Amino acid sequence: MSEIKVDNLTGKTTAKTVTVTVGASATQSLEQGLAKAWINFDGTATGAVADYDRDSFNMSVTVDNGTGDFTLGFTNNMGNANYCAVSGGHTSAGTNFSIHHTFVTTLTTSSLQNLTNDGSGSSNNWNLSNVLVHGDLA
């Protein structure tokens, strides 16, 4: 088995042209396949907004807008507002997790809004919220 140890990979043509082989013959742009931001946060936390963030990459809870409504900011902005953001999680307040909903909305290059509710339209804070972002960085 061979092993390559490097600190940086730069494309031969441009910095963004590093590709990897996926399967027998398909290739994938390494940059396009990487998550650009993610966060795991506790929407039930109290205190400073920074106390909500359990772990994250290129993202933080920047504003608690009220029950079940958070603005999540990017450390490094996205290249445009057409990125893909998905969210999920749960609350320990109930046992029927299938009726809980989470939404990512209001996408901008510097932040997004994450909303959570109990499925009946009532907003609630979840003790486990996750958001994952794919797209191009600025």
N, C-alpha and C. Protein backbone atom coordinates (compact mmCIF):
# COMPACT_ATOMS: atom_id res chain seq x y z
N MET A 1 0.84 -1.18 0.00
CA MET A 1 0.00 0.00 0.00
C MET A 1 0.89 1.24 0.00
N SER A 2 0.55 2.20 -0.86
CA SER A 2 1.30 3.44 -0.95
C SER A 2 0.65 4.52 -0.09
N GLU A 3 1.46 5.44 0.37
CA GLU A 3 0.96 6.54 1.18
C GLU A 3 1.66 7.81 0.73
N ILE A 4 0.84 8.86 0.53
CA ILE A 4 1.37 10.17 0.16
C ILE A 4 1.03 11.13 1.29
N LYS A 5 2.03 11.81 1.79
CA LYS A 5 1.82 12.80 2.84
C LYS A 5 2.19 14.17 2.29
N VAL A 6 1.19 15.08 2.27
CA VAL A 6 1.43 16.43 1.78
C VAL A 6 0.67 17.43 2.66
N ASP A 7 1.11 18.65 2.65
CA ASP A 7 0.41 19.71 3.37
C ASP A 7 -0.55 20.47 2.46
N ASN A 8 -0.29 20.51 1.18
CA ASN A 8 -1.13 21.24 0.24
C ASN A 8 -1.28 20.47 -1.06
N LEU A 9 -2.48 20.55 -1.64
CA LEU A 9 -2.73 20.04 -2.98
C LEU A 9 -3.16 21.21 -3.84
N THR A 10 -2.49 21.40 -4.95
CA THR A 10 -2.83 22.47 -5.88
C THR A 10 -2.99 21.85 -7.25
N GLY A 11 -4.05 22.25 -7.95
CA GLY A 11 -4.28 21.74 -9.28
C GLY A 11 -3.16 22.13 -10.24
N LYS A 12 -2.90 21.29 -11.22
CA LYS A 12 -1.84 21.54 -12.19
C LYS A 12 -2.19 22.71 -13.11
N THR A 13 -3.47 22.78 -13.53
CA THR A 13 -3.91 23.86 -14.41
C THR A 13 -4.27 25.12 -13.62
N THR A 14 -5.14 24.96 -12.62
CA THR A 14 -5.49 26.05 -11.70
C THR A 14 -5.61 25.43 -10.31
N ALA A 15 -5.68 26.26 -9.32
CA ALA A 15 -5.77 25.78 -7.94
C ALA A 15 -7.01 24.92 -7.70
N LYS A 16 -8.06 25.13 -8.49
CA LYS A 16 -9.33 24.44 -8.26
C LYS A 16 -9.54 23.22 -9.15
N THR A 17 -8.49 22.69 -9.78
CA THR A 17 -8.69 21.59 -10.72
C THR A 17 -8.25 20.23 -10.19
N VAL A 18 -8.16 20.06 -8.88
CA VAL A 18 -7.79 18.76 -8.33
C VAL A 18 -9.00 17.84 -8.43
N THR A 19 -8.82 16.70 -9.11
CA THR A 19 -9.91 15.73 -9.24
C THR A 19 -9.48 14.40 -8.65
N VAL A 20 -10.46 13.66 -8.20
CA VAL A 20 -10.21 12.33 -7.66
C VAL A 20 -11.06 11.34 -8.45
N THR A 21 -10.56 10.12 -8.56
CA THR A 21 -11.31 9.07 -9.23
C THR A 21 -12.30 8.46 -8.25
N VAL A 22 -13.55 8.35 -8.71
CA VAL A 22 -14.62 7.79 -7.90
C VAL A 22 -15.13 6.55 -8.62
N GLY A 23 -14.92 5.39 -8.05
CA GLY A 23 -15.32 4.16 -8.74
C GLY A 23 -14.32 3.82 -9.82
N ALA A 24 -14.79 3.11 -10.84
CA ALA A 24 -13.89 2.62 -11.89
C ALA A 24 -13.37 3.73 -12.80
N SER A 25 -14.24 4.69 -13.18
CA SER A 25 -13.78 5.67 -14.15
C SER A 25 -14.30 7.08 -13.92
N ALA A 26 -15.27 7.27 -13.07
CA ALA A 26 -15.82 8.61 -12.84
C ALA A 26 -14.84 9.46 -12.05
N THR A 27 -14.86 10.76 -12.30
CA THR A 27 -14.02 11.68 -11.54
C THR A 27 -14.90 12.71 -10.85
N GLN A 28 -14.38 13.27 -9.78
CA GLN A 28 -15.09 14.26 -8.98
C GLN A 28 -14.13 15.38 -8.63
N SER A 29 -14.57 16.61 -8.79
CA SER A 29 -13.76 17.75 -8.35
C SER A 29 -13.64 17.69 -6.83
N LEU A 30 -12.44 17.67 -6.33
CA LEU A 30 -12.22 17.58 -4.89
C LEU A 30 -12.85 18.77 -4.18
N GLU A 31 -12.67 19.96 -4.73
CA GLU A 31 -13.24 21.15 -4.09
C GLU A 31 -14.76 21.11 -4.05
N GLN A 32 -15.40 20.69 -5.13
CA GLN A 32 -16.86 20.65 -5.19
C GLN A 32 -17.44 19.60 -4.24
N GLY A 33 -16.69 18.57 -3.94
CA GLY A 33 -17.21 17.50 -3.09
C GLY A 33 -17.06 17.74 -1.60
N LEU A 34 -16.39 18.81 -1.21
CA LEU A 34 -16.17 19.07 0.21
C LEU A 34 -17.26 19.95 0.79
N ALA A 35 -17.65 19.68 2.04
CA ALA A 35 -18.57 20.57 2.74
C ALA A 35 -17.87 21.90 2.98
N LYS A 36 -18.55 22.99 2.74
CA LYS A 36 -17.96 24.32 2.92
C LYS A 36 -18.25 24.88 4.30
N ALA A 37 -19.28 24.36 4.96
CA ALA A 37 -19.61 24.79 6.32
C ALA A 37 -20.54 23.77 6.95
N TRP A 38 -20.46 23.64 8.29
CA TRP A 38 -21.40 22.81 9.04
C TRP A 38 -21.39 23.27 10.49
N ILE A 39 -22.48 22.94 11.19
CA ILE A 39 -22.57 23.30 12.60
C ILE A 39 -23.46 22.29 13.33
N ASN A 40 -23.12 22.03 14.56
CA ASN A 40 -23.92 21.25 15.50
C ASN A 40 -24.14 22.20 16.68
N PHE A 41 -25.40 22.61 16.92
CA PHE A 41 -25.63 23.56 18.00
C PHE A 41 -26.84 23.19 18.85
N ASP A 42 -26.87 23.74 20.04
CA ASP A 42 -27.94 23.51 21.02
C ASP A 42 -28.85 24.73 21.04
N GLY A 43 -30.03 24.59 20.46
CA GLY A 43 -30.98 25.70 20.41
C GLY A 43 -31.65 26.00 21.74
N THR A 44 -31.43 25.15 22.74
CA THR A 44 -32.02 25.39 24.07
C THR A 44 -31.04 26.09 25.00
N ALA A 45 -29.82 26.36 24.53
CA ALA A 45 -28.81 26.98 25.38
C ALA A 45 -29.24 28.39 25.79
N THR A 46 -28.69 28.85 26.88
CA THR A 46 -28.94 30.22 27.33
C THR A 46 -27.59 30.88 27.57
N GLY A 47 -27.60 32.19 27.63
CA GLY A 47 -26.35 32.92 27.82
C GLY A 47 -25.89 33.51 26.51
N ALA A 48 -24.59 33.67 26.38
CA ALA A 48 -24.01 34.26 25.17
C ALA A 48 -24.32 33.37 23.96
N VAL A 49 -24.51 33.98 22.81
CA VAL A 49 -24.83 33.23 21.59
C VAL A 49 -23.75 32.19 21.31
N ALA A 50 -22.50 32.48 21.63
CA ALA A 50 -21.41 31.53 21.41
C ALA A 50 -21.59 30.24 22.22
N ASP A 51 -22.37 30.28 23.29
CA ASP A 51 -22.60 29.09 24.12
C ASP A 51 -23.45 28.04 23.40
N TYR A 52 -24.14 28.41 22.34
CA TYR A 52 -24.99 27.49 21.60
C TYR A 52 -24.18 26.50 20.77
N ASP A 53 -23.05 26.95 20.25
CA ASP A 53 -22.24 26.21 19.29
C ASP A 53 -21.48 25.08 19.97
N ARG A 54 -21.83 23.81 19.65
CA ARG A 54 -21.09 22.66 20.18
C ARG A 54 -19.81 22.42 19.38
N ASP A 55 -19.95 22.43 18.05
CA ASP A 55 -18.81 22.25 17.16
C ASP A 55 -19.24 22.75 15.79
N SER A 56 -18.28 23.25 15.03
CA SER A 56 -18.64 23.81 13.73
C SER A 56 -17.40 23.97 12.86
N PHE A 57 -17.65 24.19 11.59
CA PHE A 57 -16.60 24.51 10.62
C PHE A 57 -17.12 25.63 9.74
N ASN A 58 -16.44 26.76 9.72
CA ASN A 58 -16.80 27.91 8.89
C ASN A 58 -18.20 28.44 9.17
N MET A 59 -18.72 28.23 10.38
CA MET A 59 -20.08 28.66 10.68
C MET A 59 -20.23 28.85 12.18
N SER A 60 -21.10 29.78 12.56
CA SER A 60 -21.42 29.97 13.97
C SER A 60 -22.83 30.48 14.12
N VAL A 61 -23.42 30.28 15.30
CA VAL A 61 -24.71 30.89 15.61
C VAL A 61 -24.41 32.36 15.87
N THR A 62 -24.98 33.25 15.07
CA THR A 62 -24.68 34.66 15.23
C THR A 62 -25.82 35.41 15.91
N VAL A 63 -27.06 34.95 15.74
CA VAL A 63 -28.20 35.63 16.36
C VAL A 63 -29.25 34.60 16.74
N ASP A 64 -29.76 34.70 17.97
CA ASP A 64 -30.93 33.95 18.41
C ASP A 64 -32.10 34.90 18.21
N ASN A 65 -32.87 34.70 17.13
CA ASN A 65 -33.96 35.61 16.77
C ASN A 65 -35.23 35.37 17.57
N GLY A 66 -35.25 34.34 18.40
CA GLY A 66 -36.45 33.97 19.15
C GLY A 66 -36.62 32.47 19.08
N THR A 67 -37.67 31.96 19.65
CA THR A 67 -37.89 30.52 19.73
C THR A 67 -37.83 29.86 18.35
N GLY A 68 -36.92 28.91 18.20
CA GLY A 68 -36.80 28.14 16.96
C GLY A 68 -36.33 28.92 15.75
N ASP A 69 -35.68 30.04 15.93
CA ASP A 69 -35.28 30.91 14.82
C ASP A 69 -33.86 31.42 15.07
N PHE A 70 -32.91 30.93 14.27
CA PHE A 70 -31.51 31.28 14.44
C PHE A 70 -30.90 31.76 13.13
N THR A 71 -30.08 32.80 13.20
CA THR A 71 -29.27 33.22 12.07
C THR A 71 -27.89 32.61 12.28
N LEU A 72 -27.42 31.89 11.28
CA LEU A 72 -26.12 31.24 11.32
C LEU A 72 -25.21 31.95 10.33
N GLY A 73 -24.09 32.44 10.80
CA GLY A 73 -23.18 33.19 9.95
C GLY A 73 -22.00 32.36 9.49
N PHE A 74 -21.44 32.72 8.35
CA PHE A 74 -20.25 32.06 7.81
C PHE A 74 -19.00 32.83 8.23
N THR A 75 -17.96 32.13 8.60
CA THR A 75 -16.67 32.75 8.88
C THR A 75 -16.07 33.26 7.57
N ASN A 76 -16.12 32.42 6.52
CA ASN A 76 -15.72 32.80 5.17
C ASN A 76 -16.97 32.74 4.31
N ASN A 77 -17.31 33.83 3.66
CA ASN A 77 -18.55 33.93 2.90
C ASN A 77 -18.63 32.94 1.75
N MET A 78 -19.86 32.63 1.37
CA MET A 78 -20.12 31.81 0.19
C MET A 78 -19.99 32.70 -1.04
N GLY A 79 -19.72 32.09 -2.19
CA GLY A 79 -19.53 32.83 -3.44
C GLY A 79 -20.81 33.44 -3.98
N ASN A 80 -21.95 32.85 -3.66
CA ASN A 80 -23.26 33.37 -4.07
C ASN A 80 -24.30 32.78 -3.13
N ALA A 81 -25.54 33.16 -3.30
CA ALA A 81 -26.61 32.70 -2.40
C ALA A 81 -27.33 31.47 -2.96
N ASN A 82 -26.73 30.79 -3.93
CA ASN A 82 -27.35 29.61 -4.54
C ASN A 82 -26.71 28.30 -4.07
N TYR A 83 -26.21 28.28 -2.87
CA TYR A 83 -25.60 27.07 -2.31
C TYR A 83 -26.67 26.13 -1.77
N CYS A 84 -26.27 24.93 -1.45
CA CYS A 84 -27.18 23.92 -0.92
C CYS A 84 -26.97 23.82 0.59
N ALA A 85 -28.02 24.04 1.36
CA ALA A 85 -27.95 23.94 2.82
C ALA A 85 -29.07 23.02 3.29
N VAL A 86 -28.72 22.06 4.12
CA VAL A 86 -29.70 21.14 4.68
C VAL A 86 -29.59 21.16 6.19
N SER A 87 -30.71 20.91 6.86
CA SER A 87 -30.68 20.93 8.32
C SER A 87 -31.49 19.76 8.87
N GLY A 88 -31.22 19.44 10.11
CA GLY A 88 -31.93 18.37 10.79
C GLY A 88 -31.61 18.44 12.27
N GLY A 89 -32.16 17.51 13.00
CA GLY A 89 -31.92 17.47 14.43
C GLY A 89 -33.14 16.94 15.15
N HIS A 90 -33.20 17.19 16.44
CA HIS A 90 -34.36 16.76 17.22
C HIS A 90 -34.42 17.50 18.54
N THR A 91 -35.54 17.37 19.20
CA THR A 91 -35.72 17.92 20.52
C THR A 91 -36.04 16.79 21.49
N SER A 92 -35.57 16.90 22.69
CA SER A 92 -35.87 15.87 23.69
C SER A 92 -37.21 16.14 24.37
N ALA A 93 -37.93 17.17 23.90
CA ALA A 93 -39.20 17.53 24.53
C ALA A 93 -40.31 16.54 24.22
N GLY A 94 -40.16 15.75 23.17
CA GLY A 94 -41.20 14.80 22.78
C GLY A 94 -40.59 13.50 22.32
N THR A 95 -41.42 12.51 22.11
CA THR A 95 -40.91 11.22 21.67
C THR A 95 -41.24 10.93 20.22
N ASN A 96 -42.15 11.68 19.59
CA ASN A 96 -42.51 11.46 18.20
C ASN A 96 -41.69 12.39 17.32
N PHE A 97 -40.47 11.96 17.00
CA PHE A 97 -39.56 12.80 16.24
C PHE A 97 -39.99 13.02 14.80
N SER A 98 -40.87 12.18 14.26
CA SER A 98 -41.23 12.28 12.85
C SER A 98 -42.06 13.52 12.54
N ILE A 99 -42.68 14.15 13.52
CA ILE A 99 -43.51 15.32 13.22
C ILE A 99 -42.76 16.64 13.37
N HIS A 100 -41.50 16.58 13.76
CA HIS A 100 -40.74 17.81 13.91
C HIS A 100 -40.16 18.24 12.57
N HIS A 101 -40.12 19.55 12.33
CA HIS A 101 -39.64 20.07 11.06
C HIS A 101 -38.51 21.07 11.28
N THR A 102 -37.60 21.08 10.35
CA THR A 102 -36.54 22.08 10.35
C THR A 102 -36.42 22.65 8.94
N PHE A 103 -36.15 23.92 8.85
CA PHE A 103 -36.09 24.62 7.56
C PHE A 103 -34.87 25.51 7.51
N VAL A 104 -34.23 25.55 6.35
CA VAL A 104 -33.18 26.52 6.09
C VAL A 104 -33.78 27.53 5.13
N THR A 105 -33.68 28.79 5.47
CA THR A 105 -34.29 29.83 4.64
C THR A 105 -33.41 31.07 4.66
N THR A 106 -33.77 32.07 3.88
CA THR A 106 -33.06 33.34 3.81
C THR A 106 -31.56 33.14 3.61
N LEU A 107 -31.21 32.54 2.48
CA LEU A 107 -29.81 32.31 2.14
C LEU A 107 -29.17 33.59 1.62
N THR A 108 -28.07 34.00 2.24
CA THR A 108 -27.25 35.10 1.73
C THR A 108 -25.82 34.61 1.66
N THR A 109 -24.92 35.40 1.11
CA THR A 109 -23.53 34.97 1.02
C THR A 109 -22.85 34.93 2.39
N SER A 110 -23.38 35.65 3.37
CA SER A 110 -22.75 35.73 4.69
C SER A 110 -23.48 34.97 5.79
N SER A 111 -24.72 34.53 5.54
CA SER A 111 -25.48 33.84 6.59
C SER A 111 -26.69 33.11 6.01
N LEU A 112 -27.34 32.33 6.87
CA LEU A 112 -28.60 31.70 6.55
C LEU A 112 -29.45 31.68 7.81
N GLN A 113 -30.73 31.40 7.62
CA GLN A 113 -31.65 31.33 8.76
C GLN A 113 -32.10 29.89 8.92
N ASN A 114 -32.10 29.39 10.15
CA ASN A 114 -32.54 28.03 10.46
C ASN A 114 -33.76 28.11 11.38
N LEU A 115 -34.86 27.50 10.95
CA LEU A 115 -36.11 27.51 11.71
C LEU A 115 -36.48 26.09 12.13
N THR A 116 -36.97 25.92 13.35
CA THR A 116 -37.41 24.61 13.83
C THR A 116 -38.79 24.73 14.45
N ASN A 117 -39.64 23.70 14.21
CA ASN A 117 -40.95 23.68 14.85
C ASN A 117 -41.38 22.25 15.13
N ASP A 118 -42.48 22.12 15.81
CA ASP A 118 -42.95 20.81 16.26
C ASP A 118 -43.84 20.10 15.25
N GLY A 119 -43.99 20.63 14.06
CA GLY A 119 -44.80 20.00 13.03
C GLY A 119 -46.21 20.54 12.97
N SER A 120 -46.66 21.20 14.02
CA SER A 120 -48.00 21.79 14.02
C SER A 120 -47.92 23.29 13.72
N GLY A 121 -46.72 23.76 13.44
CA GLY A 121 -46.53 25.17 13.15
C GLY A 121 -46.02 25.97 14.33
N SER A 122 -45.94 25.34 15.51
CA SER A 122 -45.43 26.03 16.69
C SER A 122 -43.91 25.94 16.73
N SER A 123 -43.25 27.08 16.79
CA SER A 123 -41.79 27.10 16.86
C SER A 123 -41.33 26.56 18.20
N ASN A 124 -40.24 25.81 18.17
CA ASN A 124 -39.63 25.36 19.42
C ASN A 124 -38.13 25.22 19.23
N ASN A 125 -37.40 25.34 20.33
CA ASN A 125 -35.95 25.20 20.29
C ASN A 125 -35.59 23.73 20.43
N TRP A 126 -34.67 23.27 19.61
CA TRP A 126 -34.21 21.89 19.66
C TRP A 126 -32.89 21.83 20.39
N ASN A 127 -32.69 20.77 21.16
CA ASN A 127 -31.41 20.63 21.85
C ASN A 127 -30.32 20.10 20.90
N LEU A 128 -30.69 19.58 19.75
CA LEU A 128 -29.71 19.15 18.76
C LEU A 128 -30.15 19.66 17.39
N SER A 129 -29.41 20.62 16.85
CA SER A 129 -29.66 21.15 15.52
C SER A 129 -28.38 21.05 14.71
N ASN A 130 -28.51 20.64 13.47
CA ASN A 130 -27.36 20.49 12.56
C ASN A 130 -27.67 21.16 11.23
N VAL A 131 -26.69 21.81 10.67
CA VAL A 131 -26.81 22.39 9.33
C VAL A 131 -25.53 22.06 8.57
N LEU A 132 -25.68 21.68 7.30
CA LEU A 132 -24.57 21.31 6.42
C LEU A 132 -24.71 22.13 5.13
N VAL A 133 -23.59 22.70 4.66
CA VAL A 133 -23.61 23.56 3.48
C VAL A 133 -22.60 23.07 2.44
N HIS A 134 -23.08 22.97 1.19
CA HIS A 134 -22.23 22.69 0.04
C HIS A 134 -22.41 23.82 -0.97
N GLY A 135 -21.36 24.21 -1.64
CA GLY A 135 -21.41 25.27 -2.63
C GLY A 135 -20.03 25.85 -2.82
N ASP A 136 -19.95 27.01 -3.43
CA ASP A 136 -18.66 27.65 -3.70
C ASP A 136 -18.40 28.76 -2.69
N LEU A 137 -17.19 28.78 -2.16
CA LEU A 137 -16.78 29.87 -1.29
C LEU A 137 -16.42 31.08 -2.12
N ALA A 138 -16.50 32.26 -1.50
CA ALA A 138 -16.17 33.50 -2.20
C ALA A 138 -14.69 33.54 -2.52
